[in-house]
Amino acid sequence: MARLNFLLLLSVLASALYLVHAQYQSRQLFTALDRAHAEARRLELDSERLQVDKRAQATPLRVETLAKDRLKMRTTTPAVTLYVRPDGAVIPAVASPAAAVTAAPPPSGSSRRPPAHRTRP
């Protein structure tokens, strides 16, 4: 009978230790889950903030200002527009007397197509 009581005492102690260990692991996992949720919320807020910053940086007025200031770009006008024919001849959009004299006529064997140019929408 003493052996049976000793065996039962050991099994109760072992199950109690296992229960304490399982609760400890459960608390650690819950803490890790809570940290992960907090990190996810922080990353979501950062993502939203970055999206707002991205939209603010990509406004047409800001892009135009940067293009003018940093890249020294300018808006297109007929005075700075050149058209290139398929044969390679360059024709200014605004015909000046000097440009009319220097523009070479297309070769006689080529088809007459309008000058290739790009338009802005």
PDB file of N, CA and C in Angstrom:
ATOM      1  N   MET A   1       0.814  -1.178   0.000  1.00  0.00           N
ATOM      2  CA  MET A   1       0.000   0.000   0.000  1.00  0.00           C
ATOM      3  C   MET A   1       0.875   1.266   0.000  1.00  0.00           C
ATOM      4  N   ALA A   2       1.986   1.231   0.665  1.00  0.00           N
ATOM      5  CA  ALA A   2       2.882   2.383   0.730  1.00  0.00           C
ATOM      6  C   ALA A   2       3.450   2.675  -0.652  1.00  0.00           C
ATOM      7  N   ARG A   3       3.719   1.621  -1.416  1.00  0.00           N
ATOM      8  CA  ARG A   3       4.232   1.833  -2.771  1.00  0.00           C
ATOM      9  C   ARG A   3       3.179   2.514  -3.637  1.00  0.00           C
ATOM     10  N   LEU A   4       1.952   2.089  -3.492  1.00  0.00           N
ATOM     11  CA  LEU A   4       0.877   2.680  -4.289  1.00  0.00           C
ATOM     12  C   LEU A   4       0.700   4.152  -3.908  1.00  0.00           C
ATOM     13  N   ASN A   5       0.721   4.458  -2.629  1.00  0.00           N
ATOM     14  CA  ASN A   5       0.614   5.859  -2.199  1.00  0.00           C
ATOM     15  C   ASN A   5       1.793   6.681  -2.713  1.00  0.00           C
ATOM     16  N   PHE A   6       3.001   6.141  -2.647  1.00  0.00           N
ATOM     17  CA  PHE A   6       4.186   6.836  -3.149  1.00  0.00           C
ATOM     18  C   PHE A   6       4.072   7.062  -4.654  1.00  0.00           C
ATOM     19  N   LEU A   7       3.597   6.062  -5.397  1.00  0.00           N
ATOM     20  CA  LEU A   7       3.424   6.175  -6.845  1.00  0.00           C
ATOM     21  C   LEU A   7       2.362   7.225  -7.175  1.00  0.00           C
ATOM     22  N   LEU A   8       1.276   7.243  -6.415  1.00  0.00           N
ATOM     23  CA  LEU A   8       0.236   8.245  -6.632  1.00  0.00           C
ATOM     24  C   LEU A   8       0.753   9.647  -6.296  1.00  0.00           C
ATOM     25  N   LEU A   9       1.532   9.768  -5.236  1.00  0.00           N
ATOM     26  CA  LEU A   9       2.118  11.057  -4.865  1.00  0.00           C
ATOM     27  C   LEU A   9       3.040  11.569  -5.967  1.00  0.00           C
ATOM     28  N   LEU A  10       3.870  10.684  -6.535  1.00  0.00           N
ATOM     29  CA  LEU A  10       4.761  11.085  -7.639  1.00  0.00           C
ATOM     30  C   LEU A  10       3.957  11.504  -8.870  1.00  0.00           C
ATOM     31  N   SER A  11       2.913  10.788  -9.172  1.00  0.00           N
ATOM     32  CA  SER A  11       2.108  11.145 -10.352  1.00  0.00           C
ATOM     33  C   SER A  11       1.388  12.473 -10.132  1.00  0.00           C
ATOM     34  N   VAL A  12       0.906  12.754  -8.917  1.00  0.00           N
ATOM     35  CA  VAL A  12       0.266  14.040  -8.620  1.00  0.00           C
ATOM     36  C   VAL A  12       1.294  15.158  -8.731  1.00  0.00           C
ATOM     37  N   LEU A  13       2.479  14.948  -8.176  1.00  0.00           N
ATOM     38  CA  LEU A  13       3.536  15.964  -8.278  1.00  0.00           C
ATOM     39  C   LEU A  13       3.953  16.194  -9.732  1.00  0.00           C
ATOM     40  N   ALA A  14       4.073  15.131 -10.512  1.00  0.00           N
ATOM     41  CA  ALA A  14       4.459  15.263 -11.925  1.00  0.00           C
ATOM     42  C   ALA A  14       3.387  16.015 -12.699  1.00  0.00           C
ATOM     43  N   SER A  15       2.112  15.686 -12.457  1.00  0.00           N
ATOM     44  CA  SER A  15       1.044  16.398 -13.172  1.00  0.00           C
ATOM     45  C   SER A  15       0.977  17.860 -12.721  1.00  0.00           C
ATOM     46  N   ALA A  16       1.239  18.134 -11.454  1.00  0.00           N
ATOM     47  CA  ALA A  16       1.245  19.516 -10.978  1.00  0.00           C
ATOM     48  C   ALA A  16       2.377  20.304 -11.629  1.00  0.00           C
ATOM     49  N   LEU A  17       3.549  19.715 -11.714  1.00  0.00           N
ATOM     50  CA  LEU A  17       4.679  20.386 -12.378  1.00  0.00           C
ATOM     51  C   LEU A  17       4.393  20.603 -13.864  1.00  0.00           C
ATOM     52  N   TYR A  18       3.776  19.617 -14.496  1.00  0.00           N
ATOM     53  CA  TYR A  18       3.427  19.759 -15.913  1.00  0.00           C
ATOM     54  C   TYR A  18       2.404  20.881 -16.076  1.00  0.00           C
ATOM     55  N   LEU A  19       1.419  20.983 -15.199  1.00  0.00           N
ATOM     56  CA  LEU A  19       0.412  22.035 -15.256  1.00  0.00           C
ATOM     57  C   LEU A  19       1.062  23.415 -15.091  1.00  0.00           C
ATOM     58  N   VAL A  20       1.977  23.549 -14.144  1.00  0.00           N
ATOM     59  CA  VAL A  20       2.680  24.822 -13.952  1.00  0.00           C
ATOM     60  C   VAL A  20       3.475  25.182 -15.196  1.00  0.00           C
ATOM     61  N   HIS A  21       4.163  24.187 -15.779  1.00  0.00           N
ATOM     62  CA  HIS A  21       4.953  24.429 -16.994  1.00  0.00           C
ATOM     63  C   HIS A  21       4.048  24.835 -18.158  1.00  0.00           C
ATOM     64  N   ALA A  22       2.897  24.167 -18.308  1.00  0.00           N
ATOM     65  CA  ALA A  22       1.969  24.492 -19.399  1.00  0.00           C
ATOM     66  C   ALA A  22       1.416  25.904 -19.227  1.00  0.00           C
ATOM     67  N   GLN A  23       1.091  26.306 -18.016  1.00  0.00           N
ATOM     68  CA  GLN A  23       0.604  27.667 -17.781  1.00  0.00           C
ATOM     69  C   GLN A  23       1.692  28.703 -18.065  1.00  0.00           C
ATOM     70  N   TYR A  24       2.906  28.387 -17.709  1.00  0.00           N
ATOM     71  CA  TYR A  24       4.028  29.297 -17.971  1.00  0.00           C
ATOM     72  C   TYR A  24       4.206  29.495 -19.479  1.00  0.00           C
ATOM     73  N   GLN A  25       4.178  28.389 -20.218  1.00  0.00           N
ATOM     74  CA  GLN A  25       4.307  28.495 -21.678  1.00  0.00           C
ATOM     75  C   GLN A  25       3.138  29.260 -22.271  1.00  0.00           C
ATOM     76  N   SER A  26       1.942  29.024 -21.746  1.00  0.00           N
ATOM     77  CA  SER A  26       0.759  29.728 -22.226  1.00  0.00           C
ATOM     78  C   SER A  26       0.913  31.232 -22.021  1.00  0.00           C
ATOM     79  N   ARG A  27       1.396  31.643 -20.879  1.00  0.00           N
ATOM     80  CA  ARG A  27       1.602  33.069 -20.611  1.00  0.00           C
ATOM     81  C   ARG A  27       2.671  33.665 -21.510  1.00  0.00           C
ATOM     82  N   GLN A  28       3.733  32.908 -21.747  1.00  0.00           N
ATOM     83  CA  GLN A  28       4.783  33.396 -22.659  1.00  0.00           C
ATOM     84  C   GLN A  28       4.237  33.570 -24.072  1.00  0.00           C
ATOM     85  N   LEU A  29       3.440  32.602 -24.525  1.00  0.00           N
ATOM     86  CA  LEU A  29       2.868  32.704 -25.871  1.00  0.00           C
ATOM     87  C   LEU A  29       1.879  33.862 -25.963  1.00  0.00           C
ATOM     88  N   PHE A  30       1.097  34.061 -24.922  1.00  0.00           N
ATOM     89  CA  PHE A  30       0.155  35.182 -24.919  1.00  0.00           C
ATOM     90  C   PHE A  30       0.903  36.514 -24.963  1.00  0.00           C
ATOM     91  N   THR A  31       1.992  36.621 -24.227  1.00  0.00           N
ATOM     92  CA  THR A  31       2.799  37.843 -24.237  1.00  0.00           C
ATOM     93  C   THR A  31       3.404  38.075 -25.623  1.00  0.00           C
ATOM     94  N   ALA A  32       3.900  37.004 -26.234  1.00  0.00           N
ATOM     95  CA  ALA A  32       4.472  37.128 -27.581  1.00  0.00           C
ATOM     96  C   ALA A  32       3.396  37.529 -28.593  1.00  0.00           C
ATOM     97  N   LEU A  33       2.188  36.959 -28.438  1.00  0.00           N
ATOM     98  CA  LEU A  33       1.086  37.321 -29.328  1.00  0.00           C
ATOM     99  C   LEU A  33       0.701  38.783 -29.147  1.00  0.00           C
ATOM    100  N   ASP A  34       0.665  39.248 -27.931  1.00  0.00           N
ATOM    101  CA  ASP A  34       0.340  40.644 -27.657  1.00  0.00           C
ATOM    102  C   ASP A  34       1.396  41.573 -28.261  1.00  0.00           C
ATOM    103  N   ARG A  35       2.661  41.208 -28.136  1.00  0.00           N
ATOM    104  CA  ARG A  35       3.740  42.007 -28.753  1.00  0.00           C
ATOM    105  C   ARG A  35       3.601  42.029 -30.277  1.00  0.00           C
ATOM    106  N   ALA A  36       3.251  40.877 -30.849  1.00  0.00           N
ATOM    107  CA  ALA A  36       3.094  40.811 -32.305  1.00  0.00           C
ATOM    108  C   ALA A  36       1.930  41.684 -32.769  1.00  0.00           C
ATOM    109  N   HIS A  37       0.834  41.698 -32.021  1.00  0.00           N
ATOM    110  CA  HIS A  37      -0.292  42.565 -32.369  1.00  0.00           C
ATOM    111  C   HIS A  37       0.107  44.035 -32.267  1.00  0.00           C
ATOM    112  N   ALA A  38       0.842  44.387 -31.238  1.00  0.00           N
ATOM    113  CA  ALA A  38       1.296  45.775 -31.085  1.00  0.00           C
ATOM    114  C   ALA A  38       2.219  46.163 -32.243  1.00  0.00           C
ATOM    115  N   GLU A  39       3.103  45.266 -32.623  1.00  0.00           N
ATOM    116  CA  GLU A  39       4.008  45.533 -33.750  1.00  0.00           C
ATOM    117  C   GLU A  39       3.216  45.676 -35.049  1.00  0.00           C
ATOM    118  N   ALA A  40       2.195  44.838 -35.226  1.00  0.00           N
ATOM    119  CA  ALA A  40       1.359  44.926 -36.434  1.00  0.00           C
ATOM    120  C   ALA A  40       0.626  46.265 -36.477  1.00  0.00           C
ATOM    121  N   ARG A  41       0.104  46.714 -35.345  1.00  0.00           N
ATOM    122  CA  ARG A  41      -0.559  48.026 -35.298  1.00  0.00           C
ATOM    123  C   ARG A  41       0.433  49.145 -35.622  1.00  0.00           C
ATOM    124  N   ARG A  42       1.636  49.050 -35.076  1.00  0.00           N
ATOM    125  CA  ARG A  42       2.650  50.075 -35.341  1.00  0.00           C
ATOM    126  C   ARG A  42       3.014  50.106 -36.825  1.00  0.00           C
ATOM    127  N   LEU A  43       3.189  48.920 -37.417  1.00  0.00           N
ATOM    128  CA  LEU A  43       3.538  48.855 -38.839  1.00  0.00           C
ATOM    129  C   LEU A  43       2.392  49.354 -39.717  1.00  0.00           C
ATOM    130  N   GLU A  44       1.167  49.076 -39.310  1.00  0.00           N
ATOM    131  CA  GLU A  44       0.019  49.560 -40.075  1.00  0.00           C
ATOM    132  C   GLU A  44      -0.051  51.085 -40.029  1.00  0.00           C
ATOM    133  N   LEU A  45       0.186  51.656 -38.853  1.00  0.00           N
ATOM    134  CA  LEU A  45       0.197  53.119 -38.748  1.00  0.00           C
ATOM    135  C   LEU A  45       1.333  53.722 -39.570  1.00  0.00           C
ATOM    136  N   ASP A  46       2.502  53.101 -39.547  1.00  0.00           N
ATOM    137  CA  ASP A  46       3.625  53.580 -40.365  1.00  0.00           C
ATOM    138  C   ASP A  46       3.276  53.515 -41.848  1.00  0.00           C
ATOM    139  N   SER A  47       2.640  52.422 -42.247  1.00  0.00           N
ATOM    140  CA  SER A  47       2.246  52.269 -43.649  1.00  0.00           C
ATOM    141  C   SER A  47       1.272  53.360 -44.059  1.00  0.00           C
ATOM    142  N   GLU A  48       0.269  53.625 -43.220  1.00  0.00           N
ATOM    143  CA  GLU A  48      -0.692  54.680 -43.539  1.00  0.00           C
ATOM    144  C   GLU A  48      -0.008  56.044 -43.605  1.00  0.00           C
ATOM    145  N   ARG A  49       0.904  56.309 -42.674  1.00  0.00           N
ATOM    146  CA  ARG A  49       1.621  57.579 -42.679  1.00  0.00           C
ATOM    147  C   ARG A  49       2.469  57.727 -43.941  1.00  0.00           C
ATOM    148  N   LEU A  50       3.121  56.636 -44.340  1.00  0.00           N
ATOM    149  CA  LEU A  50       3.947  56.684 -45.552  1.00  0.00           C
ATOM    150  C   LEU A  50       3.084  56.861 -46.800  1.00  0.00           C
ATOM    151  N   GLN A  51       1.891  56.266 -46.823  1.00  0.00           N
ATOM    152  CA  GLN A  51       0.993  56.464 -47.964  1.00  0.00           C
ATOM    153  C   GLN A  51       0.555  57.928 -48.066  1.00  0.00           C
ATOM    154  N   VAL A  52       0.271  58.539 -46.913  1.00  0.00           N
ATOM    155  CA  VAL A  52      -0.109  59.959 -46.906  1.00  0.00           C
ATOM    156  C   VAL A  52       1.072  60.800 -47.391  1.00  0.00           C
ATOM    157  N   ASP A  53       2.276  60.501 -46.907  1.00  0.00           N
ATOM    158  CA  ASP A  53       3.467  61.231 -47.363  1.00  0.00           C
ATOM    159  C   ASP A  53       3.685  61.049 -48.859  1.00  0.00           C
ATOM    160  N   LYS A  54       3.464  59.840 -49.330  1.00  0.00           N
ATOM    161  CA  LYS A  54       3.648  59.559 -50.760  1.00  0.00           C
ATOM    162  C   LYS A  54       2.666  60.379 -51.596  1.00  0.00           C
ATOM    163  N   ARG A  55       1.402  60.425 -51.154  1.00  0.00           N
ATOM    164  CA  ARG A  55       0.415  61.225 -51.892  1.00  0.00           C
ATOM    165  C   ARG A  55       0.768  62.707 -51.831  1.00  0.00           C
ATOM    166  N   ALA A  56       1.284  63.163 -50.696  1.00  0.00           N
ATOM    167  CA  ALA A  56       1.648  64.577 -50.569  1.00  0.00           C
ATOM    168  C   ALA A  56       2.848  64.910 -51.459  1.00  0.00           C
ATOM    169  N   GLN A  57       3.786  63.989 -51.592  1.00  0.00           N
ATOM    170  CA  GLN A  57       4.981  64.246 -52.406  1.00  0.00           C
ATOM    171  C   GLN A  57       4.669  64.197 -53.900  1.00  0.00           C
ATOM    172  N   ALA A  58       3.599  63.510 -54.299  1.00  0.00           N
ATOM    173  CA  ALA A  58       3.320  63.307 -55.718  1.00  0.00           C
ATOM    174  C   ALA A  58       2.268  64.258 -56.264  1.00  0.00           C
ATOM    175  N   THR A  59       1.996  65.349 -55.580  1.00  0.00           N
ATOM    176  CA  THR A  59       1.027  66.301 -56.114  1.00  0.00           C
ATOM    177  C   THR A  59       1.600  66.948 -57.371  1.00  0.00           C
ATOM    178  N   PRO A  60       0.743  67.225 -58.331  1.00  0.00           N
ATOM    179  CA  PRO A  60       1.242  67.812 -59.594  1.00  0.00           C
ATOM    180  C   PRO A  60       1.995  69.121 -59.397  1.00  0.00           C
ATOM    181  N   LEU A  61       1.535  69.955 -58.484  1.00  0.00           N
ATOM    182  CA  LEU A  61       2.222  71.226 -58.258  1.00  0.00           C
ATOM    183  C   LEU A  61       3.632  71.004 -57.723  1.00  0.00           C
ATOM    184  N   ARG A  62       3.790  70.058 -56.794  1.00  0.00           N
ATOM    185  CA  ARG A  62       5.112  69.782 -56.228  1.00  0.00           C
ATOM    186  C   ARG A  62       6.045  69.194 -57.288  1.00  0.00           C
ATOM    187  N   VAL A  63       5.512  68.272 -58.100  1.00  0.00           N
ATOM    188  CA  VAL A  63       6.331  67.658 -59.157  1.00  0.00           C
ATOM    189  C   VAL A  63       6.772  68.726 -60.155  1.00  0.00           C
ATOM    190  N   GLU A  64       5.863  69.619 -60.511  1.00  0.00           N
ATOM    191  CA  GLU A  64       6.226  70.676 -61.458  1.00  0.00           C
ATOM    192  C   GLU A  64       7.276  71.613 -60.870  1.00  0.00           C
ATOM    193  N   THR A  65       7.120  71.948 -59.583  1.00  0.00           N
ATOM    194  CA  THR A  65       8.096  72.828 -58.922  1.00  0.00           C
ATOM    195  C   THR A  65       9.476  72.168 -58.881  1.00  0.00           C
ATOM    196  N   LEU A  66       9.516  70.885 -58.528  1.00  0.00           N
ATOM    197  CA  LEU A  66      10.806  70.184 -58.502  1.00  0.00           C
ATOM    198  C   LEU A  66      11.420  70.092 -59.894  1.00  0.00           C
ATOM    199  N   ALA A  67      10.586  69.857 -60.904  1.00  0.00           N
ATOM    200  CA  ALA A  67      11.104  69.756 -62.270  1.00  0.00           C
ATOM    201  C   ALA A  67      11.718  71.082 -62.711  1.00  0.00           C
ATOM    202  N   LYS A  68      11.081  72.169 -62.331  1.00  0.00           N
ATOM    203  CA  LYS A  68      11.614  73.482 -62.726  1.00  0.00           C
ATOM    204  C   LYS A  68      12.857  73.847 -61.932  1.00  0.00           C
ATOM    205  N   ASP A  69      12.822  73.632 -60.618  1.00  0.00           N
ATOM    206  CA  ASP A  69      13.918  74.078 -59.761  1.00  0.00           C
ATOM    207  C   ASP A  69      15.136  73.161 -59.840  1.00  0.00           C
ATOM    208  N   ARG A  70      14.938  71.899 -59.601  1.00  0.00           N
ATOM    209  CA  ARG A  70      16.087  70.980 -59.516  1.00  0.00           C
ATOM    210  C   ARG A  70      16.566  70.491 -60.875  1.00  0.00           C
ATOM    211  N   LEU A  71      15.625  70.173 -61.770  1.00  0.00           N
ATOM    212  CA  LEU A  71      16.010  69.607 -63.063  1.00  0.00           C
ATOM    213  C   LEU A  71      16.126  70.653 -64.169  1.00  0.00           C
ATOM    214  N   LYS A  72      15.788  71.897 -63.838  1.00  0.00           N
ATOM    215  CA  LYS A  72      15.874  73.008 -64.799  1.00  0.00           C
ATOM    216  C   LYS A  72      15.052  72.715 -66.051  1.00  0.00           C
ATOM    217  N   MET A  73      13.891  72.110 -65.854  1.00  0.00           N
ATOM    218  CA  MET A  73      13.009  71.822 -66.984  1.00  0.00           C
ATOM    219  C   MET A  73      12.109  73.028 -67.224  1.00  0.00           C
ATOM    220  N   ARG A  74      11.547  73.118 -68.395  1.00  0.00           N
ATOM    221  CA  ARG A  74      10.632  74.208 -68.707  1.00  0.00           C
ATOM    222  C   ARG A  74       9.472  73.666 -69.517  1.00  0.00           C
ATOM    223  N   THR A  75       8.381  74.413 -69.551  1.00  0.00           N
ATOM    224  CA  THR A  75       7.219  73.971 -70.305  1.00  0.00           C
ATOM    225  C   THR A  75       7.505  74.134 -71.795  1.00  0.00           C
ATOM    226  N   THR A  76       6.858  73.306 -72.557  1.00  0.00           N
ATOM    227  CA  THR A  76       7.106  73.331 -73.993  1.00  0.00           C
ATOM    228  C   THR A  76       6.341  74.475 -74.651  1.00  0.00           C
ATOM    229  N   THR A  77       6.986  75.094 -75.601  1.00  0.00           N
ATOM    230  CA  THR A  77       6.366  76.157 -76.400  1.00  0.00           C
ATOM    231  C   THR A  77       6.726  75.885 -77.846  1.00  0.00           C
ATOM    232  N   PRO A  78       6.002  76.461 -78.749  1.00  0.00           N
ATOM    233  CA  PRO A  78       6.364  76.258 -80.160  1.00  0.00           C
ATOM    234  C   PRO A  78       7.771  76.751 -80.488  1.00  0.00           C
ATOM    235  N   ALA A  79       8.271  77.698 -79.712  1.00  0.00           N
ATOM    236  CA  ALA A  79       9.609  78.227 -79.987  1.00  0.00           C
ATOM    237  C   ALA A  79      10.699  77.203 -79.687  1.00  0.00           C
ATOM    238  N   VAL A  80      10.455  76.245 -78.782  1.00  0.00           N
ATOM    239  CA  VAL A  80      11.485  75.267 -78.439  1.00  0.00           C
ATOM    240  C   VAL A  80      11.134  73.871 -78.945  1.00  0.00           C
ATOM    241  N   THR A  81      10.065  73.751 -79.750  1.00  0.00           N
ATOM    242  CA  THR A  81       9.636  72.448 -80.267  1.00  0.00           C
ATOM    243  C   THR A  81      10.250  72.211 -81.630  1.00  0.00           C
ATOM    244  N   LEU A  82      10.810  71.040 -81.801  1.00  0.00           N
ATOM    245  CA  LEU A  82      11.366  70.645 -83.094  1.00  0.00           C
ATOM    246  C   LEU A  82      10.663  69.382 -83.564  1.00  0.00           C
ATOM    247  N   TYR A  83      10.368  69.300 -84.846  1.00  0.00           N
ATOM    248  CA  TYR A  83       9.772  68.111 -85.440  1.00  0.00           C
ATOM    249  C   TYR A  83      10.830  67.405 -86.268  1.00  0.00           C
ATOM    250  N   VAL A  84      10.856  66.103 -86.190  1.00  0.00           N
ATOM    251  CA  VAL A  84      11.842  65.324 -86.937  1.00  0.00           C
ATOM    252  C   VAL A  84      11.096  64.506 -87.979  1.00  0.00           C
ATOM    253  N   ARG A  85      11.483  64.675 -89.218  1.00  0.00           N
ATOM    254  CA  ARG A  85      10.887  63.910 -90.311  1.00  0.00           C
ATOM    255  C   ARG A  85      11.502  62.511 -90.354  1.00  0.00           C
ATOM    256  N   PRO A  86      10.823  61.580 -90.985  1.00  0.00           N
ATOM    257  CA  PRO A  86      11.384  60.224 -91.110  1.00  0.00           C
ATOM    258  C   PRO A  86      12.736  60.183 -91.818  1.00  0.00           C
ATOM    259  N   ASP A  87      12.984  61.155 -92.688  1.00  0.00           N
ATOM    260  CA  ASP A  87      14.278  61.167 -93.382  1.00  0.00           C
ATOM    261  C   ASP A  87      15.383  61.799 -92.536  1.00  0.00           C
ATOM    262  N   GLY A  88      15.041  62.277 -91.319  1.00  0.00           N
ATOM    263  CA  GLY A  88      16.045  62.825 -90.426  1.00  0.00           C
ATOM    264  C   GLY A  88      16.114  64.339 -90.421  1.00  0.00           C
ATOM    265  N   ALA A  89      15.347  65.002 -91.261  1.00  0.00           N
ATOM    266  CA  ALA A  89      15.364  66.466 -91.303  1.00  0.00           C
ATOM    267  C   ALA A  89      14.657  67.009 -90.070  1.00  0.00           C
ATOM    268  N   VAL A  90      15.222  68.038 -89.477  1.00  0.00           N
ATOM    269  CA  VAL A  90      14.657  68.668 -88.287  1.00  0.00           C
ATOM    270  C   VAL A  90      13.973  69.952 -88.713  1.00  0.00           C
ATOM    271  N   ILE A  91      12.701  70.082 -88.300  1.00  0.00           N
ATOM    272  CA  ILE A  91      11.924  71.260 -88.670  1.00  0.00           C
ATOM    273  C   ILE A  91      11.451  71.929 -87.391  1.00  0.00           C
ATOM    274  N   PRO A  92      11.707  73.211 -87.190  1.00  0.00           N
ATOM    275  CA  PRO A  92      11.195  73.890 -86.003  1.00  0.00           C
ATOM    276  C   PRO A  92       9.684  74.081 -86.116  1.00  0.00           C
ATOM    277  N   ALA A  93       8.994  74.120 -84.989  1.00  0.00           N
ATOM    278  CA  ALA A  93       7.541  74.283 -84.982  1.00  0.00           C
ATOM    279  C   ALA A  93       7.157  75.685 -85.442  1.00  0.00           C
ATOM    280  N   VAL A  94       7.940  76.664 -85.054  1.00  0.00           N
ATOM    281  CA  VAL A  94       7.706  78.032 -85.497  1.00  0.00           C
ATOM    282  C   VAL A  94       8.733  78.327 -86.569  1.00  0.00           C
ATOM    283  N   ALA A  95       8.257  78.554 -87.777  1.00  0.00           N
ATOM    284  CA  ALA A  95       9.165  78.770 -88.901  1.00  0.00           C
ATOM    285  C   ALA A  95       9.741  80.174 -88.840  1.00  0.00           C
ATOM    286  N   SER A  96      11.044  80.219 -88.796  1.00  0.00           N
ATOM    287  CA  SER A  96      11.726  81.511 -88.868  1.00  0.00           C
ATOM    288  C   SER A  96      12.356  81.621 -90.249  1.00  0.00           C
ATOM    289  N   PRO A  97      12.658  82.801 -90.699  1.00  0.00           N
ATOM    290  CA  PRO A  97      13.237  82.940 -92.047  1.00  0.00           C
ATOM    291  C   PRO A  97      14.544  82.170 -92.192  1.00  0.00           C
ATOM    292  N   ALA A  98      15.375  82.135 -91.163  1.00  0.00           N
ATOM    293  CA  ALA A  98      16.651  81.431 -91.275  1.00  0.00           C
ATOM    294  C   ALA A  98      16.420  79.925 -91.303  1.00  0.00           C
ATOM    295  N   ALA A  99      15.432  79.459 -90.568  1.00  0.00           N
ATOM    296  CA  ALA A  99      15.164  78.025 -90.536  1.00  0.00           C
ATOM    297  C   ALA A  99      14.581  77.549 -91.858  1.00  0.00           C
ATOM    298  N   ALA A 100      13.813  78.386 -92.523  1.00  0.00           N
ATOM    299  CA  ALA A 100      13.231  77.993 -93.804  1.00  0.00           C
ATOM    300  C   ALA A 100      14.312  77.807 -94.850  1.00  0.00           C
ATOM    301  N   VAL A 101      15.354  78.606 -94.794  1.00  0.00           N
ATOM    302  CA  VAL A 101      16.441  78.494 -95.756  1.00  0.00           C
ATOM    303  C   VAL A 101      17.273  77.248 -95.470  1.00  0.00           C
ATOM    304  N   THR A 102      17.527  76.927 -94.190  1.00  0.00           N
ATOM    305  CA  THR A 102      18.407  75.810 -93.858  1.00  0.00           C
ATOM    306  C   THR A 102      17.698  74.464 -93.873  1.00  0.00           C
ATOM    307  N   ALA A 103      16.379  74.449 -93.840  1.00  0.00           N
ATOM    308  CA  ALA A 103      15.668  73.174 -93.855  1.00  0.00           C
ATOM    309  C   ALA A 103      15.809  72.542 -95.229  1.00  0.00           C
ATOM    310  N   ALA A 104      16.241  71.310 -95.229  1.00  0.00           N
ATOM    311  CA  ALA A 104      16.447  70.622 -96.500  1.00  0.00           C
ATOM    312  C   ALA A 104      15.125  70.012 -96.959  1.00  0.00           C
ATOM    313  N   PRO A 105      14.850  70.065 -98.257  1.00  0.00           N
ATOM    314  CA  PRO A 105      13.621  69.445 -98.769  1.00  0.00           C
ATOM    315  C   PRO A 105      13.772  67.918 -98.702  1.00  0.00           C
ATOM    316  N   PRO A 106      12.680  67.185 -98.581  1.00  0.00           N
ATOM    317  CA  PRO A 106      12.777  65.729 -98.512  1.00  0.00           C
ATOM    318  C   PRO A 106      13.265  65.161 -99.836  1.00  0.00           C
ATOM    319  N   PRO A 107      13.926  64.013 -99.807  1.00  0.00           N
ATOM    320  CA  PRO A 107      14.384  63.407-101.059  1.00  0.00           C
ATOM    321  C   PRO A 107      13.195  63.107-101.951  1.00  0.00           C
ATOM    322  N   SER A 108      13.421  63.152-103.250  1.00  0.00           N
ATOM    323  CA  SER A 108      12.325  63.001-104.210  1.00  0.00           C
ATOM    324  C   SER A 108      11.723  61.599-104.176  1.00  0.00           C
ATOM    325  N   GLY A 109      12.462  60.609-103.785  1.00  0.00           N
ATOM    326  CA  GLY A 109      11.955  59.236-103.794  1.00  0.00           C
ATOM    327  C   GLY A 109      11.190  58.856-102.533  1.00  0.00           C
ATOM    328  N   SER A 110      11.157  59.681-101.534  1.00  0.00           N
ATOM    329  CA  SER A 110      10.499  59.300-100.280  1.00  0.00           C
ATOM    330  C   SER A 110       9.030  59.674-100.326  1.00  0.00           C
ATOM    331  N   SER A 111       8.250  58.950 -99.539  1.00  0.00           N
ATOM    332  CA  SER A 111       6.823  59.257 -99.466  1.00  0.00           C
ATOM    333  C   SER A 111       6.641  60.500 -98.609  1.00  0.00           C
ATOM    334  N   ARG A 112       5.610  61.235 -98.882  1.00  0.00           N
ATOM    335  CA  ARG A 112       5.378  62.473 -98.135  1.00  0.00           C
ATOM    336  C   ARG A 112       4.487  62.149 -96.940  1.00  0.00           C
ATOM    337  N   ARG A 113       5.117  62.062 -95.769  1.00  0.00           N
ATOM    338  CA  ARG A 113       4.389  61.845 -94.520  1.00  0.00           C
ATOM    339  C   ARG A 113       4.510  63.100 -93.677  1.00  0.00           C
ATOM    340  N   PRO A 114       3.500  63.347 -92.827  1.00  0.00           N
ATOM    341  CA  PRO A 114       3.629  64.529 -91.949  1.00  0.00           C
ATOM    342  C   PRO A 114       4.753  64.303 -90.965  1.00  0.00           C
ATOM    343  N   PRO A 115       5.313  65.361 -90.430  1.00  0.00           N
ATOM    344  CA  PRO A 115       6.423  65.226 -89.485  1.00  0.00           C
ATOM    345  C   PRO A 115       5.990  64.453 -88.236  1.00  0.00           C
ATOM    346  N   ALA A 116       6.911  63.649 -87.731  1.00  0.00           N
ATOM    347  CA  ALA A 116       6.642  62.866 -86.509  1.00  0.00           C
ATOM    348  C   ALA A 116       6.835  63.773 -85.308  1.00  0.00           C
ATOM    349  N   HIS A 117       5.832  63.827 -84.434  1.00  0.00           N
ATOM    350  CA  HIS A 117       5.953  64.618 -83.238  1.00  0.00           C
ATOM    351  C   HIS A 117       5.069  64.027 -82.155  1.00  0.00           C
ATOM    352  N   ARG A 118       5.336  64.441 -80.936  1.00  0.00           N
ATOM    353  CA  ARG A 118       4.567  63.969 -79.786  1.00  0.00           C
ATOM    354  C   ARG A 118       3.733  65.125 -79.282  1.00  0.00           C
ATOM    355  N   THR A 119       2.524  64.835 -78.902  1.00  0.00           N
ATOM    356  CA  THR A 119       1.679  65.865 -78.311  1.00  0.00           C
ATOM    357  C   THR A 119       1.426  65.525 -76.871  1.00  0.00           C
ATOM    358  N   ARG A 120       1.195  66.547 -76.103  1.00  0.00           N
ATOM    359  CA  ARG A 120       0.891  66.337 -74.680  1.00  0.00           C
ATOM    360  C   ARG A 120      -0.620  66.201 -74.547  1.00  0.00           C
ATOM    361  N   PRO A 121      -1.083  65.282 -73.679  1.00  0.00           N
ATOM    362  CA  PRO A 121      -2.537  65.126 -73.505  1.00  0.00           C
ATOM    363  C   PRO A 121      -3.117  66.281 -72.728  1.00  0.00           C
TER     364      PRO A 121
END
